[in-house]
Amino acid sequence: MNISSVIIKTNDLSKCKEELSKIDGAEVALSENNTIIVVIQAEDVNQEIEIFNKIEKTKHVISASMHYSYIEDELRDDLANMNNSVNEILNDNSTPINKMQYSGSVYAMMNKKKK
């Protein structure tokens, strides 16, 4: 399952929402001031693109841009690959804890440079 959000600019909010509601796989989530956010649910990338193309061609749509896309299959593959490498790192006891350094913040890096 793929889920995406699309931000749409329109010249007629109510008529555009009405037209968008006719597109299978597209749901109007929010609308205000000639801007509409639509959520797309599709089985795969091809269907997602097909729905997006229908949105772009919808009457009263000035512009449509995809701002978020979640692709379940790719995420599943990435997690499977990541779990193998993460497990190796988490189970590696060769570095003593007092030798490990955290550098996930600018503050920590700045303090390190001052010493």
N, C-alpha and C. Protein backbone atom coordinates (compact mmCIF):
# COMPACT_ATOMS: atom_id res chain seq x y z
N MET A 1 0.84 -1.18 0.00
CA MET A 1 0.00 0.00 0.00
C MET A 1 0.88 1.24 0.00
N ASN A 2 0.60 2.15 -0.89
CA ASN A 2 1.28 3.44 -0.96
C ASN A 2 0.32 4.52 -0.50
N ILE A 3 0.84 5.44 0.31
CA ILE A 3 0.04 6.57 0.78
C ILE A 3 0.82 7.84 0.48
N SER A 4 0.14 8.81 -0.10
CA SER A 4 0.78 10.08 -0.47
C SER A 4 -0.14 11.22 -0.13
N SER A 5 0.45 12.40 0.04
CA SER A 5 -0.36 13.60 0.19
C SER A 5 0.00 14.57 -0.93
N VAL A 6 -1.03 15.25 -1.41
CA VAL A 6 -0.87 16.18 -2.52
C VAL A 6 -1.48 17.52 -2.10
N ILE A 7 -0.72 18.58 -2.30
CA ILE A 7 -1.22 19.93 -2.04
C ILE A 7 -1.67 20.53 -3.37
N ILE A 8 -2.91 20.98 -3.39
CA ILE A 8 -3.53 21.47 -4.61
C ILE A 8 -3.91 22.94 -4.44
N LYS A 9 -3.60 23.73 -5.43
CA LYS A 9 -4.07 25.11 -5.51
C LYS A 9 -5.20 25.13 -6.55
N THR A 10 -6.28 25.81 -6.20
CA THR A 10 -7.45 25.82 -7.07
C THR A 10 -8.01 27.23 -7.23
N ASN A 11 -8.78 27.40 -8.30
CA ASN A 11 -9.45 28.69 -8.51
C ASN A 11 -10.92 28.63 -8.07
N ASP A 12 -11.39 27.45 -7.66
CA ASP A 12 -12.76 27.31 -7.15
C ASP A 12 -12.79 26.15 -6.17
N LEU A 13 -12.70 26.46 -4.90
CA LEU A 13 -12.55 25.45 -3.86
C LEU A 13 -13.67 24.41 -3.86
N SER A 14 -14.90 24.84 -3.82
CA SER A 14 -16.01 23.89 -3.71
C SER A 14 -16.16 23.01 -4.95
N LYS A 15 -16.05 23.60 -6.13
CA LYS A 15 -16.18 22.80 -7.36
C LYS A 15 -15.02 21.82 -7.51
N CYS A 16 -13.82 22.27 -7.13
CA CYS A 16 -12.65 21.39 -7.24
C CYS A 16 -12.77 20.21 -6.28
N LYS A 17 -13.20 20.47 -5.05
CA LYS A 17 -13.41 19.39 -4.08
C LYS A 17 -14.42 18.37 -4.60
N GLU A 18 -15.46 18.87 -5.22
CA GLU A 18 -16.49 18.00 -5.78
C GLU A 18 -15.91 17.10 -6.88
N GLU A 19 -15.09 17.68 -7.76
CA GLU A 19 -14.46 16.90 -8.84
C GLU A 19 -13.46 15.88 -8.28
N LEU A 20 -12.68 16.31 -7.30
CA LEU A 20 -11.67 15.41 -6.71
C LEU A 20 -12.32 14.23 -6.01
N SER A 21 -13.49 14.44 -5.43
CA SER A 21 -14.17 13.35 -4.72
C SER A 21 -14.60 12.22 -5.66
N LYS A 22 -14.59 12.47 -6.94
CA LYS A 22 -14.96 11.45 -7.93
C LYS A 22 -13.80 10.54 -8.31
N ILE A 23 -12.58 10.85 -7.86
CA ILE A 23 -11.40 10.07 -8.22
C ILE A 23 -11.20 8.96 -7.21
N ASP A 24 -11.26 7.70 -7.68
CA ASP A 24 -11.01 6.55 -6.81
C ASP A 24 -9.58 6.59 -6.30
N GLY A 25 -9.41 6.38 -5.00
CA GLY A 25 -8.08 6.36 -4.41
C GLY A 25 -7.62 7.71 -3.92
N ALA A 26 -8.44 8.75 -4.13
CA ALA A 26 -8.10 10.10 -3.67
C ALA A 26 -9.16 10.56 -2.68
N GLU A 27 -8.71 11.14 -1.58
CA GLU A 27 -9.65 11.62 -0.57
C GLU A 27 -9.24 13.03 -0.13
N VAL A 28 -10.19 13.95 -0.17
CA VAL A 28 -9.93 15.31 0.30
C VAL A 28 -9.82 15.26 1.82
N ALA A 29 -8.65 15.64 2.33
CA ALA A 29 -8.42 15.60 3.78
C ALA A 29 -8.67 16.95 4.42
N LEU A 30 -8.20 18.02 3.79
CA LEU A 30 -8.33 19.39 4.31
C LEU A 30 -8.52 20.35 3.16
N SER A 31 -9.18 21.47 3.46
CA SER A 31 -9.29 22.52 2.44
C SER A 31 -9.50 23.86 3.13
N GLU A 32 -8.86 24.88 2.55
CA GLU A 32 -8.98 26.24 3.08
C GLU A 32 -8.33 27.21 2.11
N ASN A 33 -8.96 28.36 1.91
CA ASN A 33 -8.38 29.45 1.11
C ASN A 33 -7.82 28.99 -0.24
N ASN A 34 -8.59 28.28 -1.02
CA ASN A 34 -8.19 27.80 -2.35
C ASN A 34 -7.02 26.83 -2.33
N THR A 35 -6.80 26.18 -1.18
CA THR A 35 -5.79 25.12 -1.07
C THR A 35 -6.48 23.86 -0.55
N ILE A 36 -6.17 22.76 -1.19
CA ILE A 36 -6.76 21.47 -0.81
C ILE A 36 -5.63 20.47 -0.58
N ILE A 37 -5.75 19.68 0.45
CA ILE A 37 -4.81 18.57 0.67
C ILE A 37 -5.58 17.28 0.43
N VAL A 38 -5.05 16.49 -0.48
CA VAL A 38 -5.66 15.21 -0.85
C VAL A 38 -4.72 14.09 -0.43
N VAL A 39 -5.30 13.02 0.09
CA VAL A 39 -4.54 11.83 0.42
C VAL A 39 -4.81 10.79 -0.66
N ILE A 40 -3.73 10.22 -1.19
CA ILE A 40 -3.83 9.16 -2.21
C ILE A 40 -3.50 7.84 -1.54
N GLN A 41 -4.34 6.83 -1.78
CA GLN A 41 -4.04 5.46 -1.36
C GLN A 41 -4.03 4.60 -2.61
N ALA A 42 -2.90 3.91 -2.83
CA ALA A 42 -2.75 3.11 -4.05
C ALA A 42 -2.05 1.80 -3.72
N GLU A 43 -2.26 0.83 -4.58
CA GLU A 43 -1.63 -0.48 -4.38
C GLU A 43 -0.14 -0.47 -4.70
N ASP A 44 0.27 0.37 -5.65
CA ASP A 44 1.68 0.42 -6.04
C ASP A 44 1.99 1.80 -6.62
N VAL A 45 3.25 2.00 -6.99
CA VAL A 45 3.69 3.29 -7.51
C VAL A 45 2.97 3.65 -8.80
N ASN A 46 2.76 2.68 -9.68
CA ASN A 46 2.09 2.97 -10.95
C ASN A 46 0.68 3.51 -10.73
N GLN A 47 -0.05 2.88 -9.81
CA GLN A 47 -1.41 3.35 -9.52
C GLN A 47 -1.36 4.72 -8.84
N GLU A 48 -0.38 4.94 -7.99
CA GLU A 48 -0.22 6.23 -7.33
C GLU A 48 0.00 7.34 -8.36
N ILE A 49 0.86 7.10 -9.33
CA ILE A 49 1.12 8.08 -10.39
C ILE A 49 -0.12 8.29 -11.24
N GLU A 50 -0.85 7.23 -11.52
CA GLU A 50 -2.08 7.34 -12.31
C GLU A 50 -3.10 8.25 -11.60
N ILE A 51 -3.25 8.05 -10.29
CA ILE A 51 -4.19 8.89 -9.52
C ILE A 51 -3.69 10.33 -9.48
N PHE A 52 -2.39 10.52 -9.28
CA PHE A 52 -1.82 11.86 -9.26
C PHE A 52 -2.06 12.58 -10.59
N ASN A 53 -1.87 11.87 -11.70
CA ASN A 53 -2.11 12.46 -13.02
C ASN A 53 -3.57 12.87 -13.19
N LYS A 54 -4.51 12.07 -12.66
CA LYS A 54 -5.92 12.43 -12.72
C LYS A 54 -6.18 13.71 -11.92
N ILE A 55 -5.53 13.81 -10.76
CA ILE A 55 -5.67 15.01 -9.93
C ILE A 55 -5.19 16.24 -10.68
N GLU A 56 -4.02 16.13 -11.31
CA GLU A 56 -3.46 17.27 -12.06
C GLU A 56 -4.39 17.73 -13.18
N LYS A 57 -5.11 16.79 -13.80
CA LYS A 57 -5.97 17.11 -14.94
C LYS A 57 -7.39 17.51 -14.52
N THR A 58 -7.65 17.49 -13.22
CA THR A 58 -8.99 17.80 -12.73
C THR A 58 -9.33 19.28 -12.97
N LYS A 59 -10.58 19.51 -13.38
CA LYS A 59 -11.06 20.87 -13.62
C LYS A 59 -10.92 21.69 -12.33
N HIS A 60 -10.49 22.92 -12.47
CA HIS A 60 -10.29 23.90 -11.39
C HIS A 60 -8.99 23.70 -10.62
N VAL A 61 -8.16 22.72 -10.99
CA VAL A 61 -6.85 22.55 -10.35
C VAL A 61 -5.85 23.44 -11.08
N ILE A 62 -5.24 24.36 -10.33
CA ILE A 62 -4.20 25.23 -10.90
C ILE A 62 -2.85 24.52 -10.82
N SER A 63 -2.57 23.93 -9.66
CA SER A 63 -1.32 23.18 -9.50
C SER A 63 -1.53 22.08 -8.47
N ALA A 64 -0.76 21.02 -8.62
CA ALA A 64 -0.79 19.90 -7.68
C ALA A 64 0.65 19.44 -7.47
N SER A 65 1.04 19.34 -6.20
CA SER A 65 2.39 18.87 -5.92
C SER A 65 2.37 17.86 -4.77
N MET A 66 3.07 16.76 -5.00
CA MET A 66 3.14 15.71 -4.00
C MET A 66 4.15 16.13 -2.94
N HIS A 67 3.73 16.03 -1.68
CA HIS A 67 4.60 16.46 -0.59
C HIS A 67 5.00 15.34 0.34
N TYR A 68 4.37 14.21 0.25
CA TYR A 68 4.71 13.09 1.12
C TYR A 68 4.35 11.82 0.38
N SER A 69 5.21 10.84 0.49
CA SER A 69 4.91 9.56 -0.13
C SER A 69 5.49 8.45 0.72
N TYR A 70 4.66 7.51 1.10
CA TYR A 70 5.06 6.35 1.88
C TYR A 70 4.87 5.13 1.00
N ILE A 71 5.94 4.40 0.77
CA ILE A 71 5.89 3.22 -0.09
C ILE A 71 6.21 2.01 0.78
N GLU A 72 5.19 1.24 1.09
CA GLU A 72 5.28 0.14 2.05
C GLU A 72 6.35 -0.89 1.66
N ASP A 73 6.38 -1.32 0.41
CA ASP A 73 7.33 -2.35 -0.01
C ASP A 73 8.77 -1.89 0.15
N GLU A 74 9.05 -0.65 -0.25
CA GLU A 74 10.41 -0.13 -0.12
C GLU A 74 10.81 -0.01 1.35
N LEU A 75 9.88 0.44 2.18
CA LEU A 75 10.17 0.56 3.61
C LEU A 75 10.46 -0.82 4.21
N ARG A 76 9.66 -1.81 3.84
CA ARG A 76 9.86 -3.17 4.35
C ARG A 76 11.25 -3.68 3.96
N ASP A 77 11.65 -3.46 2.71
CA ASP A 77 12.97 -3.90 2.25
C ASP A 77 14.08 -3.16 2.99
N ASP A 78 13.91 -1.84 3.15
CA ASP A 78 14.92 -1.04 3.86
C ASP A 78 15.06 -1.49 5.30
N LEU A 79 13.93 -1.75 5.96
CA LEU A 79 13.99 -2.20 7.35
C LEU A 79 14.67 -3.56 7.46
N ALA A 80 14.39 -4.44 6.53
CA ALA A 80 15.02 -5.75 6.56
C ALA A 80 16.53 -5.62 6.39
N ASN A 81 16.97 -4.78 5.49
CA ASN A 81 18.40 -4.58 5.29
C ASN A 81 19.03 -3.85 6.46
N MET A 82 18.31 -2.88 7.01
CA MET A 82 18.83 -2.11 8.12
C MET A 82 18.96 -2.97 9.38
N ASN A 83 17.99 -3.85 9.62
CA ASN A 83 18.03 -4.67 10.82
C ASN A 83 19.29 -5.51 10.89
N ASN A 84 19.73 -6.02 9.77
CA ASN A 84 20.94 -6.83 9.77
C ASN A 84 22.15 -6.00 10.19
N SER A 85 22.31 -4.82 9.63
CA SER A 85 23.47 -4.00 9.95
C SER A 85 23.35 -3.40 11.34
N VAL A 86 22.14 -3.00 11.75
CA VAL A 86 21.95 -2.44 13.08
C VAL A 86 22.23 -3.49 14.15
N ASN A 87 21.77 -4.70 13.94
CA ASN A 87 22.03 -5.77 14.91
C ASN A 87 23.52 -6.01 15.08
N GLU A 88 24.27 -5.95 14.00
CA GLU A 88 25.72 -6.13 14.10
C GLU A 88 26.33 -5.04 14.96
N ILE A 89 25.92 -3.81 14.76
CA ILE A 89 26.46 -2.68 15.53
C ILE A 89 26.07 -2.81 17.00
N LEU A 90 24.79 -3.11 17.26
CA LEU A 90 24.32 -3.20 18.64
C LEU A 90 24.95 -4.37 19.40
N ASN A 91 25.29 -5.40 18.71
CA ASN A 91 25.86 -6.58 19.36
C ASN A 91 27.38 -6.59 19.37
N ASP A 92 28.01 -5.53 18.88
CA ASP A 92 29.46 -5.43 18.85
C ASP A 92 29.95 -4.89 20.20
N ASN A 93 30.59 -5.74 20.98
CA ASN A 93 31.08 -5.35 22.31
C ASN A 93 32.58 -5.04 22.31
N SER A 94 33.16 -4.83 21.15
CA SER A 94 34.61 -4.63 21.07
C SER A 94 35.06 -3.24 21.53
N THR A 95 34.14 -2.26 21.55
CA THR A 95 34.50 -0.91 22.01
C THR A 95 33.97 -0.71 23.43
N PRO A 96 34.85 -0.39 24.39
CA PRO A 96 34.40 -0.14 25.75
C PRO A 96 33.48 1.08 25.80
N ILE A 97 32.51 1.05 26.68
CA ILE A 97 31.51 2.12 26.76
C ILE A 97 32.13 3.48 27.02
N ASN A 98 33.21 3.53 27.80
CA ASN A 98 33.82 4.82 28.11
C ASN A 98 34.59 5.40 26.92
N LYS A 99 34.76 4.63 25.87
CA LYS A 99 35.43 5.11 24.65
C LYS A 99 34.41 5.55 23.58
N MET A 100 33.14 5.30 23.82
CA MET A 100 32.11 5.68 22.85
C MET A 100 31.79 7.16 23.00
N GLN A 101 31.59 7.81 21.86
CA GLN A 101 31.28 9.23 21.87
C GLN A 101 29.98 9.48 21.13
N TYR A 102 29.21 10.36 21.71
CA TYR A 102 27.97 10.79 21.07
C TYR A 102 28.22 12.15 20.44
N SER A 103 27.94 12.26 19.17
CA SER A 103 28.14 13.55 18.50
C SER A 103 26.91 13.91 17.67
N GLY A 104 25.75 13.67 18.24
CA GLY A 104 24.51 13.93 17.53
C GLY A 104 23.98 15.34 17.71
N SER A 105 24.77 16.21 18.35
CA SER A 105 24.29 17.58 18.51
C SER A 105 25.42 18.56 18.21
N VAL A 106 25.05 19.74 17.78
CA VAL A 106 26.04 20.78 17.50
C VAL A 106 26.76 21.16 18.78
N TYR A 107 26.01 21.22 19.88
CA TYR A 107 26.60 21.58 21.18
C TYR A 107 27.74 20.62 21.54
N ALA A 108 27.50 19.32 21.38
CA ALA A 108 28.55 18.34 21.70
C ALA A 108 29.76 18.54 20.80
N MET A 109 29.55 18.84 19.54
CA MET A 109 30.69 19.06 18.63
C MET A 109 31.42 20.34 19.00
N MET A 110 30.71 21.38 19.40
CA MET A 110 31.36 22.65 19.78
C MET A 110 32.20 22.47 21.03
N ASN A 111 31.67 21.74 22.01
CA ASN A 111 32.44 21.51 23.24
C ASN A 111 33.68 20.68 22.95
N LYS A 112 33.59 19.76 22.05
CA LYS A 112 34.74 18.93 21.70
C LYS A 112 35.85 19.79 21.10
N LYS A 113 35.48 20.78 20.25
CA LYS A 113 36.47 21.64 19.61
C LYS A 113 37.14 22.59 20.61
N LYS A 114 36.43 22.96 21.68
CA LYS A 114 36.97 23.90 22.65
C LYS A 114 38.09 23.28 23.50
N LYS A 115 38.05 21.99 23.68
CA LYS A 115 39.04 21.32 24.54
C LYS A 115 40.39 21.21 23.92
